[in-house]
């Protein structure tokens, strides 16, 4: 049996040993030296001149004096002399002057930080657990990345453009915002309300640096200016003094023209461009922008048109290969709802207007209507729209009540013979529908005196540019001129007046209306490629126009219009009734 311990060389007390206390004290002294080891220095080569009992040092290379030959040992001053302990591999001690732990590797004492390799770690978790996807994970109130003397960059690198390099912001581990290059090299910021559907807020294109805002932008102008897009100088120039944007193709594209039209800068009447429609008529083709109008004023409507010639013998047809063309205006109210004929037209029996008032209250569910005067109500026409009711109590979203425009309309409410023109009571063929009720009354009751009429129907389009037009010659440009103005309160849907309630209009076409497969209404089938060109669609105020309201007869409330008309030969300008003209360019 050895007389010292295997690791710390502590002396054992042997059997029958004299002076056992000496052996025991020697062991205690070694423990006092080595347990919770702290040395004063690791780089001091000469022993201190006046050491204190128990002072400890790690003897460095090049030691002198009493320390010579003890490099790497632990030197401890005991009472009057230095004692030396040889360390074992893995011993650790705190070095006071270095303020750091050192470890003995079997040959040298090294700072413990030098013994750890922090390169190419599989993962690091700080106050949380990292995983194979999130190999660096930090749970903290904040994370600081600062400079080392100058600037500081954070770098997110991806393998290819189709990969993702981004910052993802989450709520409850569900994505709410992301910024970076996701799937392309374009820089994108996108947001989500549920973590599933993301909306692109901004995209900066990598190739050009141009910025897009796909979801729109708010706050770039005062809220009182509305929520439309910002304007460009090119856009403003394309309108000039007109209400129609890009009417002459000045923007260099087909903006504002119908999707069915094609931009053409070659065939044009001395304008930047025109827009052609090829082939068969399919449907109404509308411009894109709403035009704000003052319906109390008169507007001049102009447009250029050119019909393409087609090879072949068309002599059997009255208009040859020239097809029927229509151009007009859609009317919209302040809430951008389209105004149809039924929303303002009224039935007139023997030229007597059916507009009257309620003689007694009317509520949803009632089966009869008591009128002040039923003289103008229908007793002969079986059309459903002419056996209906229109109540003039409709309000827009701002609370304005219209006198001659209403969306409170219901067709087929009474049958012929159910209008008693003696008692002025209309018997309904069904209870008055709930949607016809008074929105200002809890029971939907309309009071006596409410304006009401027998509804009617007609064409909802205002063909104020031209209707049923055939250009005089093919392969030639013509300028058409028409007018519209004033509010039609007659209930007859007069073409040259705005419909009651009109706040906005949109120009539209029925292009090549008579070009149909197999022919149509005395016109030939000229094929799917037969073109008609349009350009210069114009809606401008006519400040010198005058209006006069019709005061008697079935057209009472219609506005007749006269506009300045020039006579070049006579050198005069006079007022003349409006008519649609077509002049060669």
Protein backbone atom coordinates (compact mmCIF):
# COMPACT_ATOMS: atom_id res chain seq x y z
CA UNK A 1 0.00 0.00 0.00
CA UNK A 2 1.24 3.47 -0.95
CA UNK A 3 1.85 5.99 1.80
CA UNK A 4 0.36 8.90 -0.26
CA UNK A 5 -2.96 9.45 -2.08
CA UNK A 6 -3.12 8.86 -5.83
CA UNK A 7 -4.29 12.33 -6.95
CA UNK A 8 -3.26 15.03 -4.46
CA UNK A 9 -0.33 13.10 -2.89
CA UNK A 10 -1.78 13.52 0.56
CA UNK A 11 0.25 11.56 3.18
CA UNK A 12 -1.47 8.62 4.83
CA UNK A 13 -1.14 7.82 8.55
CA UNK A 14 0.47 4.39 8.71
CA UNK A 15 -0.14 1.74 11.36
CA UNK A 16 1.94 2.13 14.53
CA UNK A 17 3.26 5.45 13.17
CA UNK A 18 4.79 7.84 15.72
CA UNK A 19 4.17 11.54 15.43
CA UNK A 20 0.86 10.96 13.61
CA UNK A 21 -0.06 14.57 14.01
CA UNK A 22 2.82 15.57 11.72
CA UNK A 23 1.47 13.43 8.88
CA UNK A 24 -2.07 14.67 9.48
CA UNK A 25 -1.02 18.31 9.54
CA UNK A 26 0.97 17.85 6.33
CA UNK A 27 -2.11 16.53 4.61
CA UNK A 28 -4.24 19.39 5.89
CA UNK A 29 -1.65 21.86 4.69
CA UNK A 30 -1.81 20.38 1.17
CA UNK A 31 -5.61 20.55 1.20
CA UNK A 32 -5.47 24.18 2.37
CA UNK A 33 -3.22 24.92 -0.56
CA UNK A 34 -5.09 23.08 -3.31
CA UNK A 35 -8.78 23.23 -2.42
CA UNK A 36 -10.45 26.37 -3.93
CA UNK A 37 -7.11 27.15 -5.52
CA UNK A 38 -6.33 30.86 -6.01
CA UNK A 39 -2.87 32.06 -7.00
CA UNK A 40 -1.68 35.63 -6.97
CA UNK A 41 0.04 35.49 -10.36
CA UNK A 42 1.04 33.22 -13.23
CA UNK A 43 3.63 35.42 -14.93
CA UNK A 44 5.88 36.51 -12.01
CA UNK A 45 9.37 34.95 -12.48
CA UNK A 46 11.01 36.02 -9.17
CA UNK A 47 9.69 35.15 -5.73
CA UNK A 48 8.34 38.17 -3.79
CA UNK A 49 10.73 39.62 -1.21
CA UNK A 50 8.27 39.54 1.71
CA UNK A 51 5.62 36.92 1.05
CA UNK A 52 2.79 36.22 3.45
CA UNK A 53 2.18 32.80 4.85
CA UNK A 54 -0.05 30.90 2.44
CA UNK A 55 0.67 33.05 -0.65
CA UNK A 56 0.48 30.93 -3.78
CA UNK A 57 1.87 31.41 -7.27
CA UNK A 58 2.11 29.39 -10.46
CA UNK A 59 5.77 29.32 -11.34
CA UNK A 60 6.28 30.47 -14.96
CA UNK A 61 9.07 29.55 -17.36
CA UNK A 62 12.31 31.42 -16.63
CA UNK A 63 11.77 31.46 -12.86
CA UNK A 64 14.72 32.55 -10.67
CA UNK A 65 15.82 32.31 -7.07
CA UNK A 66 14.04 29.76 -4.92
CA UNK A 67 11.60 29.13 -7.80
CA UNK A 68 14.27 28.07 -10.27
CA UNK A 69 13.66 24.57 -11.64
CA UNK A 70 10.02 24.53 -10.56
CA UNK A 71 8.40 25.82 -13.76
CA UNK A 72 4.69 24.89 -13.83
CA UNK A 73 4.57 23.99 -10.14
CA UNK A 74 2.41 25.66 -7.55
CA UNK A 75 4.63 27.58 -5.14
CA UNK A 76 3.20 28.16 -1.65
CA UNK A 77 4.97 30.07 1.11
CA UNK A 78 4.71 28.11 4.39
CA UNK A 79 5.95 29.95 7.49
CA UNK A 80 9.59 30.51 6.43
CA UNK A 81 10.09 28.78 3.09
CA UNK A 82 8.60 27.99 -0.31
CA UNK A 83 6.99 24.62 -0.89
CA UNK A 84 6.20 23.30 -4.35
CA UNK A 85 3.32 21.13 -5.50
CA UNK A 86 3.35 19.46 -8.89
CA UNK A 87 -0.06 19.88 -10.64
CA UNK A 88 -1.99 17.13 -12.38
CA UNK A 89 -3.70 17.42 -15.74
CA UNK A 90 -7.05 19.22 -15.42
CA UNK A 91 -6.23 21.15 -12.25
CA UNK A 92 -7.95 24.55 -12.25
CA UNK A 93 -7.01 27.70 -10.38
CA UNK A 94 -8.08 31.32 -10.25
CA UNK A 95 -5.31 33.78 -11.19
CA UNK A 96 -5.94 37.00 -9.30
CA UNK A 97 -3.90 39.36 -11.46
CA UNK A 98 -5.42 37.94 -14.69
CA UNK A 99 -8.93 37.84 -13.20
CA UNK A 100 -9.49 34.53 -14.98
CA UNK A 101 -9.44 30.79 -14.37
CA UNK A 102 -6.44 28.84 -15.67
CA UNK A 103 -6.30 25.11 -16.34
CA UNK A 104 -3.24 22.78 -16.45
CA UNK A 105 -3.23 20.71 -19.65
CA UNK A 106 -0.47 18.40 -18.49
CA UNK A 107 2.27 20.65 -19.81
CA UNK A 108 1.27 24.31 -19.39
CA UNK A 109 -1.13 26.44 -17.46
CA UNK A 110 -3.55 28.08 -19.95
CA UNK A 111 -6.43 30.58 -19.58
CA UNK A 112 -9.58 28.49 -19.50
CA UNK A 113 -10.98 30.56 -22.45
CA UNK A 114 -8.16 29.18 -24.61
CA UNK A 115 -9.27 25.63 -23.96
CA UNK A 116 -12.75 26.03 -25.55
CA UNK A 117 -13.16 25.91 -29.37
CA UNK A 118 -16.16 28.14 -30.25
CA UNK A 119 -15.78 27.65 -34.01
CA UNK A 120 -18.20 25.48 -36.00
CA UNK A 121 -20.54 24.78 -33.09
CA UNK A 122 -23.63 22.77 -34.04
CA UNK A 123 -25.95 25.17 -32.20
CA UNK A 124 -26.06 27.75 -29.40
CA UNK A 125 -29.00 28.48 -27.14
CA UNK A 126 -28.89 31.49 -24.81
CA UNK A 127 -31.56 31.28 -22.12
CA UNK A 128 -33.53 29.02 -24.46
CA UNK A 129 -33.11 25.87 -26.52
CA UNK A 130 -31.68 25.95 -30.04
CA UNK A 131 -32.72 23.37 -32.63
CA UNK A 132 -31.66 22.19 -36.07
CA UNK A 133 -33.63 25.02 -37.78
CA UNK A 134 -32.98 27.80 -35.26
CA UNK A 135 -29.34 26.96 -34.53
CA UNK A 136 -28.84 30.23 -32.69
CA UNK A 137 -31.65 30.94 -30.22
CA UNK A 138 -31.78 33.84 -27.77
CA UNK A 139 -34.40 34.55 -25.11
CA UNK A 140 -33.82 38.10 -23.89
CA UNK A 141 -35.43 41.49 -23.49
CA UNK A 142 -33.08 42.83 -26.15
CA UNK A 143 -30.10 41.88 -28.29
CA UNK A 144 -27.27 44.33 -28.95
CA UNK A 145 -24.97 44.32 -31.95
CA UNK A 146 -22.54 47.24 -31.80
CA UNK A 147 -19.44 48.43 -33.63
CA UNK A 148 -15.85 47.46 -32.96
CA UNK A 149 -14.46 50.91 -33.63
CA UNK A 150 -16.34 51.96 -36.77
CA UNK A 151 -19.51 50.66 -38.42
CA UNK A 152 -21.44 47.41 -38.09
CA UNK A 153 -23.22 45.26 -40.67
CA UNK A 154 -25.71 42.43 -40.23
CA UNK A 155 -25.62 40.06 -43.18
CA UNK A 156 -28.29 37.62 -44.37
CA UNK A 157 -26.96 35.53 -47.22
CA UNK A 158 -28.95 33.12 -49.40
CA UNK A 159 -27.81 30.60 -51.96
CA UNK A 160 -29.86 31.63 -55.01
CA UNK A 161 -32.31 34.38 -55.98
CA UNK A 162 -35.21 31.94 -55.60
CA UNK A 163 -34.36 31.37 -51.93
CA UNK A 164 -35.30 33.61 -48.99
CA UNK A 165 -33.25 36.02 -46.90
CA UNK A 166 -35.57 37.93 -44.61
CA UNK A 167 -36.54 39.14 -41.16
CA UNK A 168 -39.80 37.60 -39.96
CA UNK A 169 -41.77 39.28 -37.16
CA UNK A 170 -44.15 37.01 -35.27
CA UNK A 171 -46.99 37.22 -32.75
CA UNK A 172 -47.49 34.04 -30.75
CA UNK A 173 -45.13 32.22 -33.14
CA UNK A 174 -47.33 33.21 -36.12
CA UNK A 175 -45.92 35.49 -38.83
CA UNK A 176 -47.27 39.03 -39.01
CA UNK A 177 -44.64 40.97 -41.02
CA UNK A 178 -41.68 40.05 -43.19
CA UNK A 179 -39.01 42.11 -44.90
CA UNK A 180 -36.23 40.96 -47.18
CA UNK A 181 -35.67 39.18 -50.48
CA UNK A 182 -38.26 36.40 -50.59
CA UNK A 183 -38.16 34.26 -53.71
CA UNK A 184 -36.49 36.98 -55.82
CA UNK A 185 -33.77 39.59 -55.39
CA UNK A 186 -36.40 42.33 -55.13
CA UNK A 187 -36.65 43.81 -51.61
CA UNK A 188 -40.16 43.35 -50.25
CA UNK A 189 -42.08 44.31 -47.14
CA UNK A 190 -45.27 42.35 -46.54
CA UNK A 191 -47.72 42.00 -43.66
CA UNK A 192 -50.37 39.55 -42.50
CA UNK A 193 -53.28 39.64 -40.11
CA UNK A 194 -53.48 35.88 -39.61
CA UNK A 195 -50.09 34.41 -40.51
CA UNK A 196 -51.55 32.74 -43.60
CA UNK A 197 -52.38 35.49 -46.10
CA UNK A 198 -49.67 38.13 -46.64
CA UNK A 199 -50.16 41.48 -48.38
CA UNK A 200 -47.28 43.19 -50.17
CA UNK A 201 -46.84 46.71 -48.79
CA UNK A 202 -43.69 47.71 -50.70
CA UNK A 203 -41.46 46.21 -53.38
CA UNK A 204 -38.13 47.73 -54.45
CA UNK A 205 -37.18 46.19 -57.81
CA UNK A 206 -33.59 44.93 -57.80
CA UNK A 207 -32.97 45.63 -61.49
CA UNK A 208 -34.10 49.27 -61.45
CA UNK A 209 -34.47 50.43 -57.84
CA UNK A 210 -38.00 51.59 -58.57
CA UNK A 211 -40.45 51.23 -55.71
CA UNK A 212 -43.99 49.84 -55.91
CA UNK A 213 -46.78 50.00 -53.34
CA UNK A 214 -49.09 47.16 -54.48
CA UNK A 215 -51.65 47.68 -51.72
CA UNK A 216 -51.81 51.48 -52.08
CA UNK A 217 -50.57 54.36 -49.97
CA UNK A 218 -52.37 56.52 -47.42
CA UNK A 219 -51.28 59.68 -45.69
CA UNK A 220 -49.37 61.25 -48.60
CA UNK A 221 -51.96 63.99 -48.80
CA UNK A 222 -54.51 65.43 -46.36
CA UNK A 223 -57.46 63.15 -45.64
CA UNK A 224 -59.76 65.87 -46.99
CA UNK A 225 -58.27 65.29 -50.45
CA UNK A 226 -59.81 61.81 -50.60
CA UNK A 227 -58.15 58.44 -51.09
CA UNK A 228 -57.27 58.40 -54.79
CA UNK A 229 -53.83 57.84 -56.25
CA UNK A 230 -51.29 60.65 -56.49
CA UNK A 231 -51.06 62.34 -59.88
CA UNK A 232 -48.05 62.66 -62.15
CA UNK A 233 -47.25 65.57 -64.43
CA UNK A 234 -47.67 63.26 -67.45
CA UNK A 235 -51.15 62.30 -66.24
CA UNK A 236 -52.12 65.94 -65.71
CA UNK A 237 -50.85 66.85 -69.16
CA UNK A 238 -52.88 64.02 -70.70
CA UNK A 239 -56.10 65.66 -69.45
CA UNK A 240 -55.35 69.23 -70.47
CA UNK A 241 -58.60 71.19 -69.98
CA UNK A 242 -60.66 68.02 -70.48
CA UNK A 243 -62.23 65.68 -67.93
CA UNK A 244 -60.99 62.59 -69.79
CA UNK A 245 -57.47 61.36 -68.99
CA UNK A 246 -55.25 60.11 -71.83
CA UNK A 247 -58.01 60.82 -74.35
CA UNK A 248 -55.45 61.32 -77.16
CA UNK A 249 -53.02 58.59 -76.05
CA UNK A 250 -50.50 61.13 -74.70
CA UNK A 251 -49.40 58.70 -71.97
CA UNK A 252 -48.07 56.35 -74.63
CA UNK A 253 -50.35 53.50 -73.62
CA UNK A 254 -54.02 52.52 -73.45
CA UNK A 255 -54.65 53.71 -69.90
CA UNK A 256 -58.30 54.68 -69.27
CA UNK A 257 -59.51 53.13 -72.52
CA UNK A 258 -61.45 49.83 -72.44
CA UNK A 259 -59.47 46.61 -72.17
CA UNK A 260 -61.06 45.52 -75.47
CA UNK A 261 -59.25 48.37 -77.28
CA UNK A 262 -55.66 48.26 -78.59
CA UNK A 263 -53.26 51.23 -78.49
CA UNK A 264 -52.23 52.36 -82.00
CA UNK A 265 -49.74 55.23 -82.46
CA UNK A 266 -49.65 54.80 -86.26
CA UNK A 267 -53.26 55.24 -87.43
CA UNK A 268 -54.29 58.53 -85.84
CA UNK A 269 -55.81 61.92 -86.80
CA UNK A 270 -52.72 64.02 -85.95
CA UNK A 271 -52.92 62.95 -82.31
CA UNK A 272 -50.38 60.93 -80.28
CA UNK A 273 -52.36 57.73 -80.78
CA UNK A 274 -55.69 56.07 -81.35
CA UNK A 275 -57.33 52.90 -80.02
CA UNK A 276 -58.91 50.27 -82.20
CA UNK A 277 -61.51 47.59 -81.63
CA UNK A 278 -61.36 44.58 -83.98
CA UNK A 279 -64.14 42.32 -85.14
CA UNK A 280 -67.45 41.26 -83.67
CA UNK A 281 -69.43 43.24 -81.14
CA UNK A 282 -69.40 41.48 -77.77
CA UNK A 283 -70.45 43.88 -75.04
CA UNK A 284 -70.34 47.42 -73.73
CA UNK A 285 -66.76 48.76 -73.61
CA UNK A 286 -66.28 51.32 -70.82
CA UNK A 287 -63.50 53.74 -69.98
CA UNK A 288 -61.90 53.23 -66.57
CA UNK A 289 -62.17 56.56 -64.76
CA UNK A 290 -65.20 58.22 -63.20
CA UNK A 291 -65.63 61.79 -64.49
CA UNK A 292 -67.09 64.23 -61.94
CA UNK A 293 -69.73 66.46 -63.52
CA UNK A 294 -72.02 69.28 -62.48
CA UNK A 295 -75.38 68.10 -63.86
CA UNK A 296 -76.72 71.66 -63.80
CA UNK A 297 -74.27 72.61 -66.56
CA UNK A 298 -73.86 71.71 -70.25
CA UNK A 299 -70.92 69.65 -71.58
CA UNK A 300 -69.62 69.24 -75.11
CA UNK A 301 -68.97 65.61 -76.02
CA UNK A 302 -66.50 64.91 -78.82
CA UNK A 303 -64.69 61.90 -80.22
CA UNK A 304 -62.83 60.84 -83.35
CA UNK A 305 -63.88 57.71 -85.24
CA UNK A 306 -62.57 55.82 -88.28
CA UNK A 307 -63.97 52.62 -89.85
CA UNK A 308 -61.60 50.32 -91.69
CA UNK A 309 -62.44 49.22 -95.25
CA UNK A 310 -62.76 45.54 -96.01
CA UNK A 311 -62.05 43.75 -99.31
CA UNK A 312 -65.17 42.42 -100.98
CA UNK A 313 -68.40 43.44 -102.68
CA UNK A 314 -70.68 45.08 -100.10
CA UNK A 315 -73.04 46.76 -102.55
CA UNK A 316 -75.97 44.64 -101.43
CA UNK A 317 -75.94 46.34 -98.04
CA UNK A 318 -77.21 49.86 -97.42
CA UNK A 319 -74.10 50.91 -95.50
CA UNK A 320 -71.63 48.56 -97.19
CA UNK A 321 -69.05 47.39 -94.68
CA UNK A 322 -69.69 50.39 -92.41
CA UNK A 323 -71.10 49.15 -89.11
CA UNK A 324 -73.43 50.75 -86.59
CA UNK A 325 -71.56 52.55 -83.79
CA UNK A 326 -72.81 53.84 -80.44
CA UNK A 327 -71.08 56.02 -77.85
CA UNK A 328 -72.59 57.41 -74.68
CA UNK A 329 -72.34 57.91 -70.95
CA UNK A 330 -73.05 55.76 -67.93
CA UNK A 331 -74.40 57.84 -65.01
CA UNK A 332 -73.43 57.20 -61.38
CA UNK A 333 -74.63 58.72 -58.12
CA UNK A 334 -72.55 60.13 -55.25
CA UNK A 335 -72.07 56.61 -53.89
CA UNK A 336 -70.71 55.38 -57.26
CA UNK A 337 -73.85 53.34 -57.95
CA UNK A 338 -74.92 53.13 -61.58
CA UNK A 339 -78.18 54.97 -62.28
CA UNK A 340 -80.60 52.93 -64.38
CA UNK A 341 -83.70 54.22 -66.15
CA UNK A 342 -85.96 52.60 -63.54
CA UNK A 343 -84.44 54.79 -60.83
CA UNK A 344 -86.00 57.98 -62.20
CA UNK A 345 -88.49 57.21 -64.99
CA UNK A 346 -92.22 57.62 -64.32
CA UNK A 347 -95.24 56.25 -66.16
CA UNK A 348 -97.50 58.75 -67.92
CA UNK A 349 -101.06 57.79 -68.89
CA UNK A 350 -102.37 59.90 -71.77
CA UNK A 351 -99.46 62.32 -71.14
CA UNK A 352 -100.53 62.73 -67.49
CA UNK A 353 -97.58 62.30 -65.10
CA UNK A 354 -98.14 59.60 -62.47
CA UNK A 355 -96.06 61.58 -59.94
CA UNK A 356 -98.28 62.29 -56.93
CA UNK A 357 -98.22 61.98 -53.12
CA UNK A 358 -99.53 59.54 -50.57
CA UNK A 359 -103.00 60.41 -49.29
CA UNK A 360 -102.51 58.08 -46.32
CA UNK A 361 -99.48 56.45 -44.63
CA UNK A 362 -97.94 53.43 -46.35
CA UNK A 363 -96.05 50.61 -44.61
CA UNK A 364 -94.31 47.39 -45.66
CA UNK A 365 -96.88 44.60 -45.78
CA UNK A 366 -99.73 46.88 -46.90
CA UNK A 367 -101.79 45.58 -49.84
CA UNK A 368 -103.10 48.91 -51.11
CA UNK A 369 -101.83 52.44 -51.67
CA UNK A 370 -103.97 55.51 -51.18
CA UNK A 371 -102.93 58.28 -53.58
CA UNK A 372 -103.74 61.94 -53.83
CA UNK A 373 -104.26 61.57 -57.59
CA UNK A 374 -104.08 58.34 -59.64
CA UNK A 375 -104.94 59.93 -63.01
CA UNK A 376 -101.52 59.29 -64.55
CA UNK A 377 -101.20 55.67 -63.40
CA UNK A 378 -101.11 52.73 -65.82
CA UNK A 379 -104.29 50.96 -66.84
CA UNK A 380 -103.27 49.59 -70.26
CA UNK A 381 -99.60 48.48 -70.44
CA UNK A 382 -98.81 44.94 -69.29
CA UNK A 383 -95.05 45.53 -68.96
CA UNK A 384 -93.89 44.56 -65.44
CA UNK A 385 -91.75 47.69 -64.97
CA UNK A 386 -94.79 49.82 -65.84
CA UNK A 387 -96.90 48.11 -63.22
CA UNK A 388 -94.57 49.02 -60.40
CA UNK A 389 -94.00 51.71 -57.79
CA UNK A 390 -91.18 54.19 -57.15
CA UNK A 391 -91.06 56.08 -53.85
CA UNK A 392 -89.08 59.32 -53.83
CA UNK A 393 -87.62 59.13 -50.34
CA UNK A 394 -84.22 57.65 -51.14
CA UNK A 395 -81.19 59.07 -49.32
CA UNK A 396 -77.55 58.68 -50.24
CA UNK A 397 -74.83 57.68 -47.75
CA UNK A 398 -74.42 61.32 -46.68
CA UNK A 399 -78.12 61.65 -45.85
CA UNK A 400 -79.20 63.72 -48.87
CA UNK A 401 -82.75 63.04 -50.11
CA UNK A 402 -83.35 63.20 -53.86
CA UNK A 403 -86.52 64.67 -55.39
CA UNK A 404 -86.53 62.78 -58.70
CA UNK A 405 -84.08 59.89 -58.15
CA UNK A 406 -84.79 56.82 -56.04
CA UNK A 407 -83.55 53.27 -55.59
CA UNK A 408 -86.78 52.39 -53.79
CA UNK A 409 -88.36 50.77 -56.83
CA UNK A 410 -90.35 47.56 -57.21
CA UNK A 411 -91.86 46.31 -60.53
CA UNK A 412 -95.00 44.16 -60.94
CA UNK A 413 -96.75 45.39 -57.77
CA UNK A 414 -100.23 45.74 -59.28
CA UNK A 415 -102.21 44.26 -62.15
CA UNK A 416 -104.17 46.09 -64.84
CA UNK A 417 -107.57 47.08 -63.50
CA UNK A 418 -106.28 47.49 -59.93
CA UNK A 419 -105.91 51.26 -60.19
CA UNK A 420 -109.16 52.97 -59.14
CA UNK A 421 -109.05 56.46 -60.59
CA UNK A 422 -112.16 57.48 -58.71
CA UNK A 423 -111.05 56.53 -55.21
CA UNK A 424 -107.35 56.90 -56.17
CA UNK A 425 -106.56 53.60 -54.46
CA UNK A 426 -104.14 51.11 -56.01
CA UNK A 427 -104.72 47.51 -54.94
CA UNK A 428 -101.45 45.58 -54.85
CA UNK A 429 -101.02 42.03 -56.07
CA UNK A 430 -98.59 41.33 -53.20
CA UNK A 431 -97.73 43.02 -49.90
CA UNK A 432 -95.44 46.03 -50.15
CA UNK A 433 -91.85 44.57 -49.81
CA UNK A 434 -89.76 45.39 -46.74
CA UNK A 435 -87.03 47.03 -48.82
CA UNK A 436 -89.57 49.65 -49.91
CA UNK A 437 -90.01 50.79 -46.31
CA UNK A 438 -89.04 54.17 -44.86
CA UNK A 439 -85.48 53.80 -43.45
CA UNK A 440 -86.09 56.75 -41.10
CA UNK A 441 -89.07 55.12 -39.40
CA UNK A 442 -88.78 52.07 -37.09
CA UNK A 443 -91.84 50.52 -38.73
CA UNK A 444 -90.82 51.57 -42.24
CA UNK A 445 -93.95 53.75 -42.51
CA UNK A 446 -94.09 56.47 -45.15
CA UNK A 447 -96.20 59.43 -44.02
CA UNK A 448 -98.97 61.03 -46.04
CA UNK A 449 -97.51 63.59 -48.43
CA UNK A 450 -94.58 61.37 -49.49
CA UNK A 451 -93.84 61.67 -53.22
CA UNK A 452 -94.65 58.48 -55.15
CA UNK A 453 -95.15 57.47 -58.79
CA UNK A 454 -95.98 54.60 -61.09
CA UNK A 455 -92.60 53.30 -62.26
CA UNK A 456 -91.54 52.98 -65.88
CA UNK A 457 -88.57 51.70 -67.89
CA UNK A 458 -86.33 52.62 -70.78
CA UNK A 459 -82.75 52.61 -72.00
CA UNK A 460 -80.31 53.27 -69.14
CA UNK A 461 -77.57 54.48 -71.52
CA UNK A 462 -77.23 58.11 -72.51
CA UNK A 463 -76.18 57.95 -76.18
CA UNK A 464 -75.22 61.61 -76.08
CA UNK A 465 -72.04 61.22 -78.21
CA UNK A 466 -73.85 59.41 -81.04
CA UNK A 467 -76.34 56.59 -81.60
CA UNK A 468 -76.72 54.32 -84.64
CA UNK A 469 -73.85 56.13 -86.37
CA UNK A 470 -72.41 54.98 -89.71
CA UNK A 471 -69.37 56.96 -90.83
CA UNK A 472 -69.91 58.47 -94.31
CA UNK A 473 -66.73 56.87 -95.71
CA UNK A 474 -64.34 54.12 -94.66
CA UNK A 475 -60.61 54.74 -94.08
CA UNK A 476 -61.28 58.34 -93.07
CA UNK A 477 -61.31 60.12 -89.72
CA UNK A 478 -64.38 62.00 -88.51
CA UNK A 479 -64.94 64.23 -85.49
CA UNK A 480 -68.28 63.76 -83.77
CA UNK A 481 -69.88 66.35 -81.50
CA UNK A 482 -72.80 66.07 -79.12
CA UNK A 483 -74.00 67.78 -75.94
CA UNK A 484 -75.52 66.87 -72.62
CA UNK A 485 -76.54 69.04 -69.70
CA UNK A 486 -79.18 69.91 -67.17
CA UNK A 487 -81.13 67.48 -65.03
CA UNK A 488 -84.09 65.70 -66.58
CA UNK A 489 -86.92 65.90 -64.05
CA UNK A 490 -89.56 64.93 -66.61
CA UNK A 491 -89.32 61.23 -65.85
CA UNK A 492 -88.94 60.55 -69.60
CA UNK A 493 -85.18 59.82 -69.58
CA UNK A 494 -84.34 62.52 -72.15
CA UNK A 495 -81.04 61.63 -73.87
CA UNK A 496 -79.52 65.13 -73.80
CA UNK A 497 -80.12 65.65 -70.05
CA UNK A 498 -78.36 64.07 -67.10
CA UNK A 499 -80.36 61.56 -65.09
CA UNK A 500 -81.43 62.87 -61.66
CA UNK A 501 -78.84 61.91 -59.04
CA UNK A 502 -75.91 62.05 -61.48
CA UNK A 503 -72.58 62.91 -59.85
CA UNK A 504 -70.17 60.99 -62.09
CA UNK A 505 -70.22 59.68 -65.65
CA UNK A 506 -68.13 57.18 -67.61
CA UNK A 507 -67.90 57.20 -71.43
CA UNK A 508 -68.64 53.90 -73.16
CA UNK A 509 -68.93 52.40 -76.64
CA UNK A 510 -70.92 49.69 -78.37
CA UNK A 511 -68.19 49.18 -81.00
CA UNK A 512 -69.01 47.52 -84.30
CA UNK A 513 -72.48 46.92 -82.89
CA UNK A 514 -73.85 45.42 -86.11
CA UNK A 515 -70.86 43.18 -86.85
CA UNK A 516 -72.09 39.76 -85.74
CA UNK A 517 -71.41 36.23 -86.90
CA UNK A 518 -73.72 35.60 -89.85
CA UNK A 519 -74.74 39.27 -90.15
CA UNK A 520 -77.14 41.43 -88.15
CA UNK A 521 -80.02 43.81 -88.90
CA UNK A 522 -79.19 44.32 -92.59
CA UNK A 523 -75.44 44.50 -92.01
CA UNK A 524 -72.91 41.97 -93.27
CA UNK A 525 -70.58 39.78 -91.25
CA UNK A 526 -67.27 41.47 -92.02
CA UNK A 527 -65.15 39.16 -89.90
CA UNK A 528 -63.35 39.07 -86.57
CA UNK A 529 -60.58 41.41 -87.68
CA UNK A 530 -62.61 44.34 -89.03
CA UNK A 531 -61.32 47.39 -87.15
CA UNK A 532 -62.89 50.60 -85.97
CA UNK A 533 -60.64 53.26 -84.41
CA UNK A 534 -61.50 55.78 -81.69
CA UNK A 535 -59.53 58.57 -80.03
CA UNK A 536 -59.91 62.03 -78.53
CA UNK A 537 -62.87 61.09 -76.30
CA UNK A 538 -63.68 64.45 -74.72
CA UNK A 539 -66.05 65.78 -72.06
CA UNK A 540 -65.63 69.53 -71.56
CA UNK A 541 -67.88 72.31 -70.18
CA UNK A 542 -69.73 74.44 -72.73
CA UNK A 543 -69.82 77.78 -70.84
CA UNK A 544 -71.87 79.72 -73.44
CA UNK A 545 -74.64 77.13 -73.65
CA UNK A 546 -78.11 78.08 -72.44
CA UNK A 547 -80.98 75.91 -71.19
CA UNK A 548 -84.72 76.29 -70.97
CA UNK A 549 -87.03 74.03 -68.95
CA UNK A 550 -90.13 72.61 -70.63
CA UNK A 551 -93.05 73.74 -68.48
CA UNK A 552 -96.05 72.05 -70.08
CA UNK A 553 -97.05 68.71 -71.55
CA UNK A 554 -95.67 65.24 -71.11
CA UNK A 555 -92.07 66.52 -71.23
CA UNK A 556 -92.48 68.98 -68.36
CA UNK A 557 -89.15 69.10 -66.52
CA UNK A 558 -87.00 68.34 -69.55
CA UNK A 559 -84.18 70.83 -70.29
CA UNK A 560 -83.83 72.04 -73.88
CA UNK A 561 -80.31 73.18 -74.78
CA UNK A 562 -78.90 75.66 -77.24
CA UNK A 563 -75.17 75.98 -77.90
CA UNK A 564 -72.97 78.40 -79.84
CA UNK A 565 -72.80 77.48 -83.53
CA UNK A 566 -70.45 79.25 -85.93
CA UNK A 567 -70.96 80.11 -89.59
CA UNK A 568 -67.55 80.51 -91.20
CA UNK A 569 -68.84 82.06 -94.45
CA UNK A 570 -70.98 84.62 -92.66
CA UNK A 571 -68.47 85.12 -89.87
CA UNK A 572 -71.18 84.78 -87.22
CA UNK A 573 -71.91 82.75 -84.12
CA UNK A 574 -75.47 82.02 -83.06
CA UNK A 575 -77.26 79.80 -80.56
CA UNK A 576 -78.81 76.68 -82.04
CA UNK A 577 -80.55 73.63 -80.65
CA UNK A 578 -78.17 70.78 -79.99
CA UNK A 579 -77.77 67.97 -82.47
CA UNK A 580 -75.15 65.31 -83.05
CA UNK A 581 -72.76 66.25 -85.83
CA UNK A 582 -70.06 64.34 -87.68
CA UNK A 583 -67.40 66.26 -89.58
CA UNK A 584 -64.51 64.92 -91.70
CA UNK A 585 -61.02 65.68 -90.41
